């Protein structure tokens, strides 16, 4: 196991991962953000260098200081060899903490994590997502904005509303996490006449289109389409590939992404969840699981 801390190696890794898109989306976005100032406080591990079989990103120990904060204690993994992945998951993941592991496209990640968890007496849960990727957001059609709303970015005053509506929200840890996304990463929202967000879309430390929501009374007006269009083009202008992860149960968001030209990737993305403090996986409410796309 090697921690890549040399800036030249991290730049080389970013280029290698970019050539592997879209398969490498999650870890590529994390490495891009690390090379861009590392606002999420993450580090990169590989099994070997310069040839590698697995790449894993994780929060620095000083960032992952709260053993119960699975919002912050988030990992992403891409691998070419399942055996190498198993080894790195066993040695590089802090199984005494609550965490999320994001992985995609290759079969075996959940099974490998489950096997390690079983040996440690830990319990896991998994959320399954489709990953949608747009190869050229600049080709997306221009969107006309509803005159009843104003386009803006999220700011700190909006965090309580996001926390109330987010899939993993309604607690202080999720509030801190969402505040960090608003502070460090691109976001967009539509404000009503009073300046209150009625629809929003943030991005995250993995370069993905992340937490998004439209208030129920404002649905059916195309607001999510507007924000997806705006954010995809913005991320492209910053050099990021445009992609998002959508719950397999969220048919409305799947249709929206496909109508915008996003293509579903060949296999599922897994968000593997563990809550070591309670020795169980986090419990999600049906409302959150059905309404929040990412």
C-alpha atoms as a PDB file:
ATOM      1  CA  UNK A   1       0.000   0.000   0.000  1.00  0.00           C
ATOM      2  CA  UNK A   2       1.383   3.374  -1.031  1.00  0.00           C
ATOM      3  CA  UNK A   3       0.085   6.860  -0.235  1.00  0.00           C
ATOM      4  CA  UNK A   4       0.688   9.188  -3.183  1.00  0.00           C
ATOM      5  CA  UNK A   5       1.650  12.591  -1.832  1.00  0.00           C
ATOM      6  CA  UNK A   6       4.006  13.806  -4.583  1.00  0.00           C
ATOM      7  CA  UNK A   7       2.268  16.418  -6.726  1.00  0.00           C
ATOM      8  CA  UNK A   8       3.882  15.168  -9.940  1.00  0.00           C
ATOM      9  CA  UNK A   9       2.697  11.606  -9.275  1.00  0.00           C
ATOM     10  CA  UNK A  10      -0.803  12.828  -8.497  1.00  0.00           C
ATOM     11  CA  UNK A  11      -0.881  14.771 -11.770  1.00  0.00           C
ATOM     12  CA  UNK A  12       0.312  11.702 -13.633  1.00  0.00           C
ATOM     13  CA  UNK A  13      -2.370   9.623 -11.922  1.00  0.00           C
ATOM     14  CA  UNK A  14      -5.036  12.165 -12.873  1.00  0.00           C
ATOM     15  CA  UNK A  15      -4.011  11.915 -16.523  1.00  0.00           C
ATOM     16  CA  UNK A  16      -4.043   8.121 -16.405  1.00  0.00           C
ATOM     17  CA  UNK A  17      -7.502   8.086 -14.842  1.00  0.00           C
ATOM     18  CA  UNK A  18      -8.799  10.602 -17.379  1.00  0.00           C
ATOM     19  CA  UNK A  19      -7.775   8.280 -20.185  1.00  0.00           C
ATOM     20  CA  UNK A  20      -9.845   5.576 -18.474  1.00  0.00           C
ATOM     21  CA  UNK A  21     -13.075   7.592 -18.384  1.00  0.00           C
ATOM     22  CA  UNK A  22     -15.926   6.943 -17.888  1.00  0.00           C
ATOM     23  CA  UNK A  23     -14.970   3.803 -15.946  1.00  0.00           C
ATOM     24  CA  UNK A  24     -12.735   5.781 -13.561  1.00  0.00           C
ATOM     25  CA  UNK A  25     -15.193   8.643 -12.910  1.00  0.00           C
ATOM     26  CA  UNK A  26     -15.370   8.525  -9.119  1.00  0.00           C
ATOM     27  CA  UNK A  27     -11.667   8.352  -8.322  1.00  0.00           C
ATOM     28  CA  UNK A  28     -10.792  10.689 -11.206  1.00  0.00           C
ATOM     29  CA  UNK A  29     -13.007  13.426  -9.766  1.00  0.00           C
ATOM     30  CA  UNK A  30     -11.527  12.943  -6.306  1.00  0.00           C
ATOM     31  CA  UNK A  31      -7.959  13.173  -7.636  1.00  0.00           C
ATOM     32  CA  UNK A  32      -8.851  16.287  -9.643  1.00  0.00           C
ATOM     33  CA  UNK A  33     -10.128  17.955  -6.482  1.00  0.00           C
ATOM     34  CA  UNK A  34      -7.034  16.884  -4.555  1.00  0.00           C
ATOM     35  CA  UNK A  35      -4.809  18.383  -7.250  1.00  0.00           C
ATOM     36  CA  UNK A  36      -6.969  21.517  -7.240  1.00  0.00           C
ATOM     37  CA  UNK A  37      -6.295  22.361  -3.594  1.00  0.00           C
ATOM     38  CA  UNK A  38      -7.833  19.379  -1.802  1.00  0.00           C
ATOM     39  CA  UNK A  39     -10.747  21.183  -0.112  1.00  0.00           C
ATOM     40  CA  UNK A  40     -12.195  17.893   1.185  1.00  0.00           C
ATOM     41  CA  UNK A  41      -8.920  16.854   2.821  1.00  0.00           C
ATOM     42  CA  UNK A  42      -8.513  13.521   1.027  1.00  0.00           C
ATOM     43  CA  UNK A  43      -5.534  11.347   0.137  1.00  0.00           C
ATOM     44  CA  UNK A  44      -4.858   8.740  -2.546  1.00  0.00           C
ATOM     45  CA  UNK A  45      -3.630   5.178  -2.057  1.00  0.00           C
ATOM     46  CA  UNK A  46      -2.516   2.627  -4.645  1.00  0.00           C
ATOM     47  CA  UNK A  47      -1.317  -0.943  -4.365  1.00  0.00           C
ATOM     48  CA  UNK A  48       1.846  -0.146  -6.363  1.00  0.00           C
ATOM     49  CA  UNK A  49       3.391   2.580  -8.529  1.00  0.00           C
ATOM     50  CA  UNK A  50       3.676   3.508 -11.347  1.00  0.00           C
ATOM     51  CA  UNK A  51       1.717   0.422 -12.416  1.00  0.00           C
ATOM     52  CA  UNK A  52      -1.309  -0.082 -10.195  1.00  0.00           C
ATOM     53  CA  UNK A  53      -4.273  -2.415  -9.931  1.00  0.00           C
ATOM     54  CA  UNK A  54      -6.374  -0.420  -7.476  1.00  0.00           C
ATOM     55  CA  UNK A  55      -6.799   3.249  -6.524  1.00  0.00           C
ATOM     56  CA  UNK A  56      -8.565   4.265  -3.333  1.00  0.00           C
ATOM     57  CA  UNK A  57      -9.254   7.762  -2.030  1.00  0.00           C
ATOM     58  CA  UNK A  58     -10.000   8.377   1.634  1.00  0.00           C
ATOM     59  CA  UNK A  59     -10.211  11.302   4.070  1.00  0.00           C
ATOM     60  CA  UNK A  60      -7.081  12.289   5.963  1.00  0.00           C
ATOM     61  CA  UNK A  61      -7.080  11.057   9.540  1.00  0.00           C
ATOM     62  CA  UNK A  62      -7.508  14.597  10.876  1.00  0.00           C
ATOM     63  CA  UNK A  63     -10.597  15.014   8.674  1.00  0.00           C
ATOM     64  CA  UNK A  64     -12.080  11.643   9.633  1.00  0.00           C
ATOM     65  CA  UNK A  65     -11.905  12.470  13.327  1.00  0.00           C
ATOM     66  CA  UNK A  66     -15.512  11.585  14.166  1.00  0.00           C
ATOM     67  CA  UNK A  67     -16.044   7.822  14.219  1.00  0.00           C
ATOM     68  CA  UNK A  68     -19.797   8.210  13.706  1.00  0.00           C
ATOM     69  CA  UNK A  69     -19.673  10.621  10.727  1.00  0.00           C
ATOM     70  CA  UNK A  70     -20.240   8.484   7.650  1.00  0.00           C
ATOM     71  CA  UNK A  71     -20.988  11.612   5.594  1.00  0.00           C
ATOM     72  CA  UNK A  72     -17.367  12.770   5.908  1.00  0.00           C
ATOM     73  CA  UNK A  73     -15.735   9.336   6.214  1.00  0.00           C
ATOM     74  CA  UNK A  74     -16.203   8.587   2.521  1.00  0.00           C
ATOM     75  CA  UNK A  75     -14.023   6.463   0.249  1.00  0.00           C
ATOM     76  CA  UNK A  76     -13.953   5.917  -3.521  1.00  0.00           C
ATOM     77  CA  UNK A  77     -12.348   2.946  -5.225  1.00  0.00           C
ATOM     78  CA  UNK A  78     -11.468   1.869  -8.754  1.00  0.00           C
ATOM     79  CA  UNK A  79      -9.759  -1.437  -9.420  1.00  0.00           C
ATOM     80  CA  UNK A  80      -8.556  -3.722 -12.174  1.00  0.00           C
ATOM     81  CA  UNK A  81      -7.925  -6.701  -9.897  1.00  0.00           C
ATOM     82  CA  UNK A  82     -10.395  -7.793  -7.219  1.00  0.00           C
ATOM     83  CA  UNK A  83      -7.716  -9.460  -5.101  1.00  0.00           C
ATOM     84  CA  UNK A  84      -5.710  -6.238  -4.915  1.00  0.00           C
ATOM     85  CA  UNK A  85      -8.908  -4.377  -4.078  1.00  0.00           C
ATOM     86  CA  UNK A  86      -9.713  -6.771  -1.225  1.00  0.00           C
ATOM     87  CA  UNK A  87      -6.244  -6.290   0.225  1.00  0.00           C
ATOM     88  CA  UNK A  88      -6.441  -2.501   0.108  1.00  0.00           C
ATOM     89  CA  UNK A  89      -9.968  -2.405   1.534  1.00  0.00           C
ATOM     90  CA  UNK A  90      -8.816  -4.551   4.441  1.00  0.00           C
ATOM     91  CA  UNK A  91      -5.779  -2.422   5.262  1.00  0.00           C
ATOM     92  CA  UNK A  92      -6.708   1.141   4.196  1.00  0.00           C
ATOM     93  CA  UNK A  93     -10.319   1.452   5.405  1.00  0.00           C
ATOM     94  CA  UNK A  94     -10.945   2.274   9.054  1.00  0.00           C
ATOM     95  CA  UNK A  95     -13.489  -0.397   9.930  1.00  0.00           C
ATOM     96  CA  UNK A  96     -13.887   1.015  13.435  1.00  0.00           C
ATOM     97  CA  UNK A  97     -15.639   4.052  11.947  1.00  0.00           C
ATOM     98  CA  UNK A  98     -18.910   4.665  10.176  1.00  0.00           C
ATOM     99  CA  UNK A  99     -18.188   5.162   6.490  1.00  0.00           C
ATOM    100  CA  UNK A 100     -19.385   5.130   2.896  1.00  0.00           C
ATOM    101  CA  UNK A 101     -17.485   3.420   0.076  1.00  0.00           C
ATOM    102  CA  UNK A 102     -18.296   4.510  -3.481  1.00  0.00           C
ATOM    103  CA  UNK A 103     -17.437   2.131  -6.285  1.00  0.00           C
ATOM    104  CA  UNK A 104     -18.766   1.393  -9.723  1.00  0.00           C
ATOM    105  CA  UNK A 105     -18.805  -0.675 -12.899  1.00  0.00           C
ATOM    106  CA  UNK A 106     -16.907  -3.756 -11.750  1.00  0.00           C
ATOM    107  CA  UNK A 107     -18.614  -6.651  -9.993  1.00  0.00           C
ATOM    108  CA  UNK A 108     -17.280  -7.891  -6.678  1.00  0.00           C
ATOM    109  CA  UNK A 109     -16.819  -4.700  -4.651  1.00  0.00           C
ATOM    110  CA  UNK A 110     -19.801  -5.269  -2.389  1.00  0.00           C
ATOM    111  CA  UNK A 111     -18.958  -8.947  -1.933  1.00  0.00           C
ATOM    112  CA  UNK A 112     -15.358  -8.104  -1.034  1.00  0.00           C
ATOM    113  CA  UNK A 113     -16.494  -5.482   1.464  1.00  0.00           C
ATOM    114  CA  UNK A 114     -19.096  -7.838   2.912  1.00  0.00           C
ATOM    115  CA  UNK A 115     -16.524 -10.596   3.413  1.00  0.00           C
ATOM    116  CA  UNK A 116     -14.167  -8.241   5.249  1.00  0.00           C
ATOM    117  CA  UNK A 117     -17.051  -6.935   7.347  1.00  0.00           C
ATOM    118  CA  UNK A 118     -18.053 -10.465   8.309  1.00  0.00           C
ATOM    119  CA  UNK A 119     -14.576 -11.250   9.630  1.00  0.00           C
ATOM    120  CA  UNK A 120     -14.707  -8.073  11.723  1.00  0.00           C
ATOM    121  CA  UNK A 121     -18.242  -8.579  13.006  1.00  0.00           C
ATOM    122  CA  UNK A 122     -19.415  -5.486  11.135  1.00  0.00           C
ATOM    123  CA  UNK A 123     -22.693  -4.929   9.299  1.00  0.00           C
ATOM    124  CA  UNK A 124     -23.127  -3.284   5.912  1.00  0.00           C
ATOM    125  CA  UNK A 125     -25.921  -1.910   3.800  1.00  0.00           C
ATOM    126  CA  UNK A 126     -25.794  -0.934   0.143  1.00  0.00           C
ATOM    127  CA  UNK A 127     -27.535   1.609  -2.047  1.00  0.00           C
ATOM    128  CA  UNK A 128     -27.563   0.923  -5.784  1.00  0.00           C
ATOM    129  CA  UNK A 129     -27.277   3.737  -8.314  1.00  0.00           C
ATOM    130  CA  UNK A 130     -27.114   4.132 -12.052  1.00  0.00           C
ATOM    131  CA  UNK A 131     -24.212   6.323 -13.142  1.00  0.00           C
ATOM    132  CA  UNK A 132     -25.094   8.778 -15.922  1.00  0.00           C
ATOM    133  CA  UNK A 133     -22.296  10.338 -17.975  1.00  0.00           C
ATOM    134  CA  UNK A 134     -22.457  13.114 -20.571  1.00  0.00           C
ATOM    135  CA  UNK A 135     -19.599  13.107 -23.077  1.00  0.00           C
ATOM    136  CA  UNK A 136     -20.123  16.707 -24.267  1.00  0.00           C
ATOM    137  CA  UNK A 137     -22.320  19.018 -22.150  1.00  0.00           C
ATOM    138  CA  UNK A 138     -21.577  21.922 -24.497  1.00  0.00           C
ATOM    139  CA  UNK A 139     -23.913  20.218 -26.978  1.00  0.00           C
ATOM    140  CA  UNK A 140     -26.823  20.375 -24.543  1.00  0.00           C
ATOM    141  CA  UNK A 141     -29.553  22.800 -25.694  1.00  0.00           C
ATOM    142  CA  UNK A 142     -29.914  26.200 -24.081  1.00  0.00           C
ATOM    143  CA  UNK A 143     -32.590  26.311 -21.423  1.00  0.00           C
ATOM    144  CA  UNK A 144     -35.020  29.189 -21.022  1.00  0.00           C
ATOM    145  CA  UNK A 145     -35.369  30.294 -17.421  1.00  0.00           C
ATOM    146  CA  UNK A 146     -38.790  30.669 -15.822  1.00  0.00           C
ATOM    147  CA  UNK A 147     -39.231  34.416 -15.029  1.00  0.00           C
ATOM    148  CA  UNK A 148     -40.695  33.433 -11.646  1.00  0.00           C
ATOM    149  CA  UNK A 149     -37.269  32.317 -10.419  1.00  0.00           C
ATOM    150  CA  UNK A 150     -33.695  33.602 -10.421  1.00  0.00           C
ATOM    151  CA  UNK A 151     -30.568  31.506 -11.019  1.00  0.00           C
ATOM    152  CA  UNK A 152     -27.959  31.660  -8.268  1.00  0.00           C
ATOM    153  CA  UNK A 153     -25.468  29.561  -6.319  1.00  0.00           C
ATOM    154  CA  UNK A 154     -26.111  28.003  -2.939  1.00  0.00           C
ATOM    155  CA  UNK A 155     -24.721  29.820   0.087  1.00  0.00           C
ATOM    156  CA  UNK A 156     -24.374  29.147   3.799  1.00  0.00           C
ATOM    157  CA  UNK A 157     -27.855  30.444   4.577  1.00  0.00           C
ATOM    158  CA  UNK A 158     -29.369  27.569   2.564  1.00  0.00           C
ATOM    159  CA  UNK A 159     -27.749  24.682   4.431  1.00  0.00           C
ATOM    160  CA  UNK A 160     -30.626  24.002   6.844  1.00  0.00           C
ATOM    161  CA  UNK A 161     -33.088  23.594   3.987  1.00  0.00           C
ATOM    162  CA  UNK A 162     -30.751  21.209   2.159  1.00  0.00           C
ATOM    163  CA  UNK A 163     -30.156  19.243   5.337  1.00  0.00           C
ATOM    164  CA  UNK A 164     -33.877  18.812   5.873  1.00  0.00           C
ATOM    165  CA  UNK A 165     -34.428  17.388   2.386  1.00  0.00           C
ATOM    166  CA  UNK A 166     -31.256  15.352   1.751  1.00  0.00           C
ATOM    167  CA  UNK A 167     -31.289  11.549   1.678  1.00  0.00           C
ATOM    168  CA  UNK A 168     -28.756  11.298   4.526  1.00  0.00           C
ATOM    169  CA  UNK A 169     -29.796  14.550   6.200  1.00  0.00           C
ATOM    170  CA  UNK A 170     -31.610  15.925   9.242  1.00  0.00           C
ATOM    171  CA  UNK A 171     -28.662  15.623  11.631  1.00  0.00           C
ATOM    172  CA  UNK A 172     -25.716  17.781  12.610  1.00  0.00           C
ATOM    173  CA  UNK A 173     -23.131  15.657  10.803  1.00  0.00           C
ATOM    174  CA  UNK A 174     -25.007  15.873   7.507  1.00  0.00           C
ATOM    175  CA  UNK A 175     -25.428  19.617   8.052  1.00  0.00           C
ATOM    176  CA  UNK A 176     -21.655  20.025   8.427  1.00  0.00           C
ATOM    177  CA  UNK A 177     -21.060  17.948   5.298  1.00  0.00           C
ATOM    178  CA  UNK A 178     -23.534  19.913   3.176  1.00  0.00           C
ATOM    179  CA  UNK A 179     -22.080  23.196   4.432  1.00  0.00           C
ATOM    180  CA  UNK A 180     -18.679  21.971   3.225  1.00  0.00           C
ATOM    181  CA  UNK A 181     -20.076  21.155  -0.236  1.00  0.00           C
ATOM    182  CA  UNK A 182     -21.646  24.604  -0.509  1.00  0.00           C
ATOM    183  CA  UNK A 183     -18.425  26.283   0.591  1.00  0.00           C
ATOM    184  CA  UNK A 184     -15.968  24.367  -1.590  1.00  0.00           C
ATOM    185  CA  UNK A 185     -17.671  23.021  -4.735  1.00  0.00           C
ATOM    186  CA  UNK A 186     -19.822  24.378  -7.585  1.00  0.00           C
ATOM    187  CA  UNK A 187     -23.572  24.533  -6.980  1.00  0.00           C
ATOM    188  CA  UNK A 188     -26.653  26.099  -8.515  1.00  0.00           C
ATOM    189  CA  UNK A 189     -30.135  26.903  -7.286  1.00  0.00           C
ATOM    190  CA  UNK A 190     -33.298  28.680  -8.351  1.00  0.00           C
ATOM    191  CA  UNK A 191     -34.600  31.344  -5.970  1.00  0.00           C
ATOM    192  CA  UNK A 192     -38.184  32.545  -5.686  1.00  0.00           C
ATOM    193  CA  UNK A 193     -39.198  36.187  -5.262  1.00  0.00           C
ATOM    194  CA  UNK A 194     -38.333  36.064  -1.546  1.00  0.00           C
ATOM    195  CA  UNK A 195     -34.818  34.735  -2.208  1.00  0.00           C
ATOM    196  CA  UNK A 196     -35.618  31.234  -0.946  1.00  0.00           C
ATOM    197  CA  UNK A 197     -34.289  28.236  -2.914  1.00  0.00           C
ATOM    198  CA  UNK A 198     -37.057  26.202  -4.555  1.00  0.00           C
ATOM    199  CA  UNK A 199     -34.745  23.857  -6.474  1.00  0.00           C
ATOM    200  CA  UNK A 200     -31.022  23.131  -6.128  1.00  0.00           C
ATOM    201  CA  UNK A 201     -28.132  20.974  -7.326  1.00  0.00           C
ATOM    202  CA  UNK A 202     -24.703  20.713  -5.705  1.00  0.00           C
ATOM    203  CA  UNK A 203     -21.519  18.894  -6.698  1.00  0.00           C
ATOM    204  CA  UNK A 204     -19.220  16.929  -4.428  1.00  0.00           C
ATOM    205  CA  UNK A 205     -15.627  15.923  -3.681  1.00  0.00           C
ATOM    206  CA  UNK A 206     -15.795  13.251  -6.399  1.00  0.00           C
ATOM    207  CA  UNK A 207     -16.677  15.714  -9.136  1.00  0.00           C
ATOM    208  CA  UNK A 208     -20.222  14.345  -9.349  1.00  0.00           C
ATOM    209  CA  UNK A 209     -23.535  16.105  -9.616  1.00  0.00           C
ATOM    210  CA  UNK A 210     -24.644  15.538  -6.057  1.00  0.00           C
ATOM    211  CA  UNK A 211     -27.466  16.471  -3.688  1.00  0.00           C
ATOM    212  CA  UNK A 212     -30.446  17.784  -5.654  1.00  0.00           C
ATOM    213  CA  UNK A 213     -34.041  18.519  -4.785  1.00  0.00           C
ATOM    214  CA  UNK A 214     -37.066  20.526  -5.894  1.00  0.00           C
ATOM    215  CA  UNK A 215     -39.677  21.521  -3.341  1.00  0.00           C
ATOM    216  CA  UNK A 216     -42.893  19.566  -4.005  1.00  0.00           C
ATOM    217  CA  UNK A 217     -45.019  22.645  -4.745  1.00  0.00           C
ATOM    218  CA  UNK A 218     -42.554  23.714  -7.489  1.00  0.00           C
ATOM    219  CA  UNK A 219     -42.260  20.416  -9.347  1.00  0.00           C
ATOM    220  CA  UNK A 220     -43.372  19.913 -12.925  1.00  0.00           C
ATOM    221  CA  UNK A 221     -41.831  23.196 -14.111  1.00  0.00           C
ATOM    222  CA  UNK A 222     -38.550  21.830 -15.477  1.00  0.00           C
ATOM    223  CA  UNK A 223     -36.389  23.290 -12.721  1.00  0.00           C
ATOM    224  CA  UNK A 224     -34.241  20.157 -12.304  1.00  0.00           C
ATOM    225  CA  UNK A 225     -33.626  20.152 -16.052  1.00  0.00           C
ATOM    226  CA  UNK A 226     -32.429  23.758 -15.915  1.00  0.00           C
ATOM    227  CA  UNK A 227     -30.026  23.087 -13.056  1.00  0.00           C
ATOM    228  CA  UNK A 228     -28.660  19.876 -14.562  1.00  0.00           C
ATOM    229  CA  UNK A 229     -27.997  21.749 -17.801  1.00  0.00           C
ATOM    230  CA  UNK A 230     -26.297  24.661 -16.029  1.00  0.00           C
ATOM    231  CA  UNK A 231     -24.157  22.509 -13.737  1.00  0.00           C
ATOM    232  CA  UNK A 232     -23.047  20.062 -16.435  1.00  0.00           C
ATOM    233  CA  UNK A 233     -21.779  22.935 -18.589  1.00  0.00           C
ATOM    234  CA  UNK A 234     -20.150  24.661 -15.620  1.00  0.00           C
ATOM    235  CA  UNK A 235     -18.279  21.532 -14.541  1.00  0.00           C
ATOM    236  CA  UNK A 236     -17.149  20.967 -18.129  1.00  0.00           C
ATOM    237  CA  UNK A 237     -15.782  24.519 -18.243  1.00  0.00           C
ATOM    238  CA  UNK A 238     -13.720  23.694 -15.138  1.00  0.00           C
ATOM    239  CA  UNK A 239     -12.315  20.569 -16.775  1.00  0.00           C
ATOM    240  CA  UNK A 240     -14.491  18.029 -14.976  1.00  0.00           C
ATOM    241  CA  UNK A 241     -16.369  15.255 -16.746  1.00  0.00           C
ATOM    242  CA  UNK A 242     -20.120  15.633 -16.177  1.00  0.00           C
ATOM    243  CA  UNK A 243     -21.807  12.751 -14.415  1.00  0.00           C
ATOM    244  CA  UNK A 244     -24.223  11.929 -11.640  1.00  0.00           C
ATOM    245  CA  UNK A 245     -25.416   8.898  -9.688  1.00  0.00           C
ATOM    246  CA  UNK A 246     -29.159   8.236  -9.567  1.00  0.00           C
ATOM    247  CA  UNK A 247     -30.888   5.755  -7.284  1.00  0.00           C
ATOM    248  CA  UNK A 248     -32.275   2.767  -9.191  1.00  0.00           C
ATOM    249  CA  UNK A 249     -35.706   3.581  -7.747  1.00  0.00           C
ATOM    250  CA  UNK A 250     -35.679   7.191  -8.957  1.00  0.00           C
ATOM    251  CA  UNK A 251     -37.304   6.797 -12.370  1.00  0.00           C
ATOM    252  CA  UNK A 252     -38.109  10.497 -12.749  1.00  0.00           C
ATOM    253  CA  UNK A 253     -34.476  11.555 -12.438  1.00  0.00           C
ATOM    254  CA  UNK A 254     -33.371   8.743 -14.731  1.00  0.00           C
ATOM    255  CA  UNK A 255     -35.711  10.050 -17.443  1.00  0.00           C
ATOM    256  CA  UNK A 256     -34.506  13.609 -16.877  1.00  0.00           C
ATOM    257  CA  UNK A 257     -30.861  12.627 -17.258  1.00  0.00           C
ATOM    258  CA  UNK A 258     -31.520  10.667 -20.428  1.00  0.00           C
ATOM    259  CA  UNK A 259     -33.567  13.523 -21.910  1.00  0.00           C
ATOM    260  CA  UNK A 260     -30.539  15.780 -21.328  1.00  0.00           C
ATOM    261  CA  UNK A 261     -28.253  13.410 -23.222  1.00  0.00           C
ATOM    262  CA  UNK A 262     -26.651  11.634 -20.250  1.00  0.00           C
ATOM    263  CA  UNK A 263     -25.924   7.974 -20.942  1.00  0.00           C
ATOM    264  CA  UNK A 264     -26.357   5.254 -18.297  1.00  0.00           C
ATOM    265  CA  UNK A 265     -23.192   3.272 -17.730  1.00  0.00           C
ATOM    266  CA  UNK A 266     -23.098  -0.509 -18.179  1.00  0.00           C
ATOM    267  CA  UNK A 267     -23.401  -1.552 -14.528  1.00  0.00           C
ATOM    268  CA  UNK A 268     -24.392  -0.185 -11.174  1.00  0.00           C
ATOM    269  CA  UNK A 269     -22.609   2.153  -8.792  1.00  0.00           C
ATOM    270  CA  UNK A 270     -22.573   0.979  -5.186  1.00  0.00           C
ATOM    271  CA  UNK A 271     -22.628   3.137  -2.082  1.00  0.00           C
ATOM    272  CA  UNK A 272     -21.650   0.747   0.711  1.00  0.00           C
ATOM    273  CA  UNK A 273     -22.642   2.005   4.153  1.00  0.00           C
ATOM    274  CA  UNK A 274     -21.376   1.012   7.586  1.00  0.00           C
ATOM    275  CA  UNK A 275     -22.102   2.421  11.032  1.00  0.00           C
ATOM    276  CA  UNK A 276     -19.536   0.957  13.389  1.00  0.00           C
ATOM    277  CA  UNK A 277     -20.740   2.983  16.375  1.00  0.00           C
ATOM    278  CA  UNK A 278     -24.163   1.305  16.340  1.00  0.00           C
ATOM    279  CA  UNK A 279     -22.825  -1.891  14.706  1.00  0.00           C
ATOM    280  CA  UNK A 280     -25.379  -1.542  11.966  1.00  0.00           C
ATOM    281  CA  UNK A 281     -25.818   0.174   8.657  1.00  0.00           C
ATOM    282  CA  UNK A 282     -27.534   3.586   8.631  1.00  0.00           C
ATOM    283  CA  UNK A 283     -31.312   3.462   8.368  1.00  0.00           C
ATOM    284  CA  UNK A 284     -32.915   5.477   5.549  1.00  0.00           C
ATOM    285  CA  UNK A 285     -36.522   6.620   5.496  1.00  0.00           C
ATOM    286  CA  UNK A 286     -38.742   5.691   2.515  1.00  0.00           C
ATOM    287  CA  UNK A 287     -39.369   9.401   1.832  1.00  0.00           C
ATOM    288  CA  UNK A 288     -35.684  10.159   1.491  1.00  0.00           C
ATOM    289  CA  UNK A 289     -34.883   7.074  -0.532  1.00  0.00           C
ATOM    290  CA  UNK A 290     -37.627   7.797  -3.046  1.00  0.00           C
ATOM    291  CA  UNK A 291     -37.182  11.533  -3.496  1.00  0.00           C
ATOM    292  CA  UNK A 292     -33.488  12.294  -3.345  1.00  0.00           C
ATOM    293  CA  UNK A 293     -31.611  11.319  -6.523  1.00  0.00           C
ATOM    294  CA  UNK A 294     -28.049  11.580  -5.286  1.00  0.00           C
END
